[in-house]
Amino acid sequence: MNREIRIPVKKMPGHDDLELPRYMTVHASGMDVRAAVRENETILPGEWKKISAGFSVSLPKGYEAQIRPRSGLAMEFGVTVLNAPGTIDADYRGEIGIILINHGKKPFEIKRGDRIAQLVIQPVCSGFWEESPELDTTERGTGGFGHTRSA
């Protein structure tokens, strides 16, 4: 099932030359986001920077946008999204920024228009707490981190 929604988008001043995020293949779940840097940016190994995407959005209530890494950048250069997935809430109207970190061994250069991340639109389910003195039991119970490792 493929759901399509219309999302108002606004290019930030000075970024009319940049392509808006778009799906690169027919069945892609994420749109490629381009760097809206005015001059080349270098991220040194172990360093992170916020990179402008050059646009803002008006997501409908009940949706979020997730910023995710591009696998090619991670595999080839060790560059990824620091807070993956980054969340853009439906009520945020500011410019989209991508926090990239260089886990690689060499400096990574970002040029204007480079594809630096993916943006995925997702429906959101809101949860509401209902206090209870007891919870139902499960086979796992209170087993925490690594509880399913074999001995």
C-alpha atoms as a PDB file:
ATOM      1  CA  MET A   1       0.000   0.000   0.000  1.00  0.00           C
ATOM      2  CA  ASN A   2       1.410   3.360  -0.997  1.00  0.00           C
ATOM      3  CA  ARG A   3       0.084   6.471   0.718  1.00  0.00           C
ATOM      4  CA  GLU A   4       0.869   9.822  -0.811  1.00  0.00           C
ATOM      5  CA  ILE A   5       0.436  13.155   0.947  1.00  0.00           C
ATOM      6  CA  ARG A   6       1.110  16.707  -0.209  1.00  0.00           C
ATOM      7  CA  ILE A   7       3.609  18.594   1.949  1.00  0.00           C
ATOM      8  CA  PRO A   8       4.132  22.353   1.621  1.00  0.00           C
ATOM      9  CA  VAL A   9       7.851  23.149   1.325  1.00  0.00           C
ATOM     10  CA  LYS A  10       9.651  26.486   1.301  1.00  0.00           C
ATOM     11  CA  LYS A  11      13.147  27.075  -0.060  1.00  0.00           C
ATOM     12  CA  MET A  12      15.176  29.325   2.200  1.00  0.00           C
ATOM     13  CA  PRO A  13      16.500  32.589   0.727  1.00  0.00           C
ATOM     14  CA  GLY A  14      19.615  32.077  -1.367  1.00  0.00           C
ATOM     15  CA  HIS A  15      18.905  28.409  -2.105  1.00  0.00           C
ATOM     16  CA  ASP A  16      16.722  28.631  -5.223  1.00  0.00           C
ATOM     17  CA  ASP A  17      19.421  26.818  -7.204  1.00  0.00           C
ATOM     18  CA  LEU A  18      19.199  23.661  -5.091  1.00  0.00           C
ATOM     19  CA  GLU A  19      16.986  20.719  -5.927  1.00  0.00           C
ATOM     20  CA  LEU A  20      14.367  19.901  -3.298  1.00  0.00           C
ATOM     21  CA  PRO A  21      14.608  16.443  -1.696  1.00  0.00           C
ATOM     22  CA  ARG A  22      13.326  13.760  -4.031  1.00  0.00           C
ATOM     23  CA  TYR A  23      13.041  10.014  -4.396  1.00  0.00           C
ATOM     24  CA  MET A  24      15.863   8.712  -6.573  1.00  0.00           C
ATOM     25  CA  THR A  25      14.055   5.495  -7.583  1.00  0.00           C
ATOM     26  CA  VAL A  26      10.406   4.468  -7.952  1.00  0.00           C
ATOM     27  CA  HIS A  27      10.348   2.335  -4.777  1.00  0.00           C
ATOM     28  CA  ALA A  28      12.661   4.423  -2.569  1.00  0.00           C
ATOM     29  CA  SER A  29      11.306   5.122   0.911  1.00  0.00           C
ATOM     30  CA  GLY A  30      13.619   8.069   1.530  1.00  0.00           C
ATOM     31  CA  MET A  31      14.146  11.279  -0.410  1.00  0.00           C
ATOM     32  CA  ASP A  32      17.749  12.378  -0.868  1.00  0.00           C
ATOM     33  CA  VAL A  33      18.525  15.678   0.878  1.00  0.00           C
ATOM     34  CA  ARG A  34      21.185  17.994  -0.545  1.00  0.00           C
ATOM     35  CA  ALA A  35      23.704  20.183   1.261  1.00  0.00           C
ATOM     36  CA  ALA A  36      22.885  23.893   1.155  1.00  0.00           C
ATOM     37  CA  VAL A  37      26.380  25.031   2.137  1.00  0.00           C
ATOM     38  CA  ARG A  38      27.489  28.346   0.670  1.00  0.00           C
ATOM     39  CA  GLU A  39      31.155  27.279   0.663  1.00  0.00           C
ATOM     40  CA  ASN A  40      32.654  23.798   0.895  1.00  0.00           C
ATOM     41  CA  GLU A  41      32.629  22.408   4.436  1.00  0.00           C
ATOM     42  CA  THR A  42      35.149  19.916   5.799  1.00  0.00           C
ATOM     43  CA  ILE A  43      34.341  17.547   8.660  1.00  0.00           C
ATOM     44  CA  LEU A  44      37.491  16.179  10.264  1.00  0.00           C
ATOM     45  CA  PRO A  45      37.634  12.623  11.667  1.00  0.00           C
ATOM     46  CA  GLY A  46      35.707  12.538  14.959  1.00  0.00           C
ATOM     47  CA  GLU A  47      34.109  15.925  14.273  1.00  0.00           C
ATOM     48  CA  TRP A  48      30.442  16.739  13.591  1.00  0.00           C
ATOM     49  CA  LYS A  49      28.729  19.718  11.987  1.00  0.00           C
ATOM     50  CA  LYS A  50      25.206  20.904  11.336  1.00  0.00           C
ATOM     51  CA  ILE A  51      24.728  21.228   7.594  1.00  0.00           C
ATOM     52  CA  SER A  52      21.893  23.327   6.207  1.00  0.00           C
ATOM     53  CA  ALA A  53      19.417  21.631   3.871  1.00  0.00           C
ATOM     54  CA  GLY A  54      18.116  24.963   2.555  1.00  0.00           C
ATOM     55  CA  PHE A  55      14.392  24.397   3.070  1.00  0.00           C
ATOM     56  CA  SER A  56      11.609  24.176   5.644  1.00  0.00           C
ATOM     57  CA  VAL A  57       8.400  22.142   5.613  1.00  0.00           C
ATOM     58  CA  SER A  58       4.859  22.162   6.939  1.00  0.00           C
ATOM     59  CA  LEU A  59       4.103  18.546   7.812  1.00  0.00           C
ATOM     60  CA  PRO A  60       0.465  17.661   8.411  1.00  0.00           C
ATOM     61  CA  LYS A  61      -0.622  16.778  11.935  1.00  0.00           C
ATOM     62  CA  GLY A  62      -0.039  13.084  12.544  1.00  0.00           C
ATOM     63  CA  TYR A  63       3.203  12.903  10.519  1.00  0.00           C
ATOM     64  CA  GLU A  64       6.904  13.340  11.138  1.00  0.00           C
ATOM     65  CA  ALA A  65       9.945  13.468   8.893  1.00  0.00           C
ATOM     66  CA  GLN A  66      12.935  11.340   9.835  1.00  0.00           C
ATOM     67  CA  ILE A  67      16.465  12.261   8.783  1.00  0.00           C
ATOM     68  CA  ARG A  68      18.464   9.117   8.142  1.00  0.00           C
ATOM     69  CA  PRO A  69      22.005   8.411   6.947  1.00  0.00           C
ATOM     70  CA  ARG A  70      22.878   7.570   3.366  1.00  0.00           C
ATOM     71  CA  SER A  71      24.392   4.090   3.325  1.00  0.00           C
ATOM     72  CA  GLY A  72      26.925   5.012   0.628  1.00  0.00           C
ATOM     73  CA  LEU A  73      28.404   7.818   2.743  1.00  0.00           C
ATOM     74  CA  ALA A  74      28.588   5.532   5.757  1.00  0.00           C
ATOM     75  CA  MET A  75      30.190   2.672   3.848  1.00  0.00           C
ATOM     76  CA  GLU A  76      32.635   4.665   1.735  1.00  0.00           C
ATOM     77  CA  PHE A  77      33.612   7.488   4.106  1.00  0.00           C
ATOM     78  CA  GLY A  78      32.355   6.597   7.615  1.00  0.00           C
ATOM     79  CA  VAL A  79      30.029   9.628   7.548  1.00  0.00           C
ATOM     80  CA  THR A  80      26.584   9.323   9.097  1.00  0.00           C
ATOM     81  CA  VAL A  81      23.799  11.296  10.787  1.00  0.00           C
ATOM     82  CA  LEU A  82      24.785  11.817  14.426  1.00  0.00           C
ATOM     83  CA  ASN A  83      21.282  11.694  15.919  1.00  0.00           C
ATOM     84  CA  ALA A  84      19.916   9.084  13.515  1.00  0.00           C
ATOM     85  CA  PRO A  85      17.118   9.154  12.966  1.00  0.00           C
ATOM     86  CA  GLY A  86      16.673  12.867  13.450  1.00  0.00           C
ATOM     87  CA  THR A  87      13.045  13.838  13.936  1.00  0.00           C
ATOM     88  CA  ILE A  88      11.243  16.782  12.370  1.00  0.00           C
ATOM     89  CA  ASP A  89       7.958  17.325  14.181  1.00  0.00           C
ATOM     90  CA  ALA A  90       4.756  18.425  12.444  1.00  0.00           C
ATOM     91  CA  ASP A  91       4.788  21.791  14.247  1.00  0.00           C
ATOM     92  CA  TYR A  92       8.403  22.738  13.357  1.00  0.00           C
ATOM     93  CA  ARG A  93       8.683  25.450  10.692  1.00  0.00           C
ATOM     94  CA  GLY A  94      12.391  26.294  10.828  1.00  0.00           C
ATOM     95  CA  GLU A  95      15.115  25.426   8.363  1.00  0.00           C
ATOM     96  CA  ILE A  96      16.045  21.747   8.231  1.00  0.00           C
ATOM     97  CA  GLY A  97      19.568  21.017   9.431  1.00  0.00           C
ATOM     98  CA  ILE A  98      21.440  17.719   9.238  1.00  0.00           C
ATOM     99  CA  ILE A  99      23.994  16.837  11.929  1.00  0.00           C
ATOM    100  CA  LEU A 100      26.713  14.835  10.185  1.00  0.00           C
ATOM    101  CA  ILE A 101      29.576  13.085  11.980  1.00  0.00           C
ATOM    102  CA  ASN A 102      32.750  11.760  10.421  1.00  0.00           C
ATOM    103  CA  HIS A 103      33.649   8.369  11.906  1.00  0.00           C
ATOM    104  CA  GLY A 104      36.131   7.857   9.068  1.00  0.00           C
ATOM    105  CA  LYS A 105      39.894   8.217   9.048  1.00  0.00           C
ATOM    106  CA  LYS A 106      40.115  11.090   6.544  1.00  0.00           C
ATOM    107  CA  PRO A 107      38.599  14.583   6.376  1.00  0.00           C
ATOM    108  CA  PHE A 108      35.275  14.606   4.532  1.00  0.00           C
ATOM    109  CA  GLU A 109      34.441  17.504   2.230  1.00  0.00           C
ATOM    110  CA  ILE A 110      30.853  18.601   1.585  1.00  0.00           C
ATOM    111  CA  LYS A 111      30.088  20.634  -1.526  1.00  0.00           C
ATOM    112  CA  ARG A 112      26.937  22.572  -2.338  1.00  0.00           C
ATOM    113  CA  GLY A 113      24.292  20.196  -3.693  1.00  0.00           C
ATOM    114  CA  ASP A 114      25.918  16.985  -2.391  1.00  0.00           C
ATOM    115  CA  ARG A 115      23.413  14.359  -1.273  1.00  0.00           C
ATOM    116  CA  ILE A 116      24.049  14.087   2.473  1.00  0.00           C
ATOM    117  CA  ALA A 117      21.048  12.321   4.046  1.00  0.00           C
ATOM    118  CA  GLN A 118      17.641  10.794   3.430  1.00  0.00           C
ATOM    119  CA  LEU A 119      14.295  12.167   4.548  1.00  0.00           C
ATOM    120  CA  VAL A 120      11.499   9.675   5.272  1.00  0.00           C
ATOM    121  CA  ILE A 121       7.897  10.756   5.944  1.00  0.00           C
ATOM    122  CA  GLN A 122       6.151   8.623   8.578  1.00  0.00           C
ATOM    123  CA  PRO A 123       2.756   8.607  10.297  1.00  0.00           C
ATOM    124  CA  VAL A 124       2.947   9.138  14.053  1.00  0.00           C
ATOM    125  CA  CYS A 125       0.995   7.295  16.714  1.00  0.00           C
ATOM    126  CA  SER A 126       0.469   9.243  19.945  1.00  0.00           C
ATOM    127  CA  GLY A 127       0.570   7.272  23.167  1.00  0.00           C
ATOM    128  CA  PHE A 128      -1.066   8.286  26.425  1.00  0.00           C
ATOM    129  CA  TRP A 129       0.011   6.899  29.793  1.00  0.00           C
ATOM    130  CA  GLU A 130      -2.465   4.980  31.871  1.00  0.00           C
ATOM    131  CA  GLU A 131      -1.004   4.293  35.317  1.00  0.00           C
ATOM    132  CA  SER A 132      -1.439   0.733  36.524  1.00  0.00           C
ATOM    133  CA  PRO A 133      -0.290  -0.985  39.735  1.00  0.00           C
ATOM    134  CA  GLU A 134       0.567  -4.141  37.753  1.00  0.00           C
ATOM    135  CA  LEU A 135       1.605  -4.978  34.201  1.00  0.00           C
ATOM    136  CA  ASP A 136       0.761  -8.120  32.265  1.00  0.00           C
ATOM    137  CA  THR A 137       3.389 -10.865  32.308  1.00  0.00           C
ATOM    138  CA  THR A 138       5.443 -12.036  29.338  1.00  0.00           C
ATOM    139  CA  GLU A 139       7.972 -14.776  28.675  1.00  0.00           C
ATOM    140  CA  ARG A 140      10.764 -12.181  28.640  1.00  0.00           C
ATOM    141  CA  GLY A 141       9.618 -10.468  31.810  1.00  0.00           C
ATOM    142  CA  THR A 142      12.267  -8.083  33.140  1.00  0.00           C
ATOM    143  CA  GLY A 143      15.127  -9.531  31.062  1.00  0.00           C
ATOM    144  CA  GLY A 144      17.196  -6.547  29.923  1.00  0.00           C
ATOM    145  CA  PHE A 145      20.184  -5.858  27.723  1.00  0.00           C
ATOM    146  CA  GLY A 146      21.612  -9.017  26.189  1.00  0.00           C
ATOM    147  CA  HIS A 147      19.189 -11.329  27.962  1.00  0.00           C
ATOM    148  CA  THR A 148      18.762 -13.611  24.942  1.00  0.00           C
ATOM    149  CA  ARG A 149      22.487 -14.373  24.501  1.00  0.00           C
ATOM    150  CA  SER A 150      23.272 -18.075  24.604  1.00  0.00           C
ATOM    151  CA  ALA A 151      25.592 -19.247  27.368  1.00  0.00           C
END
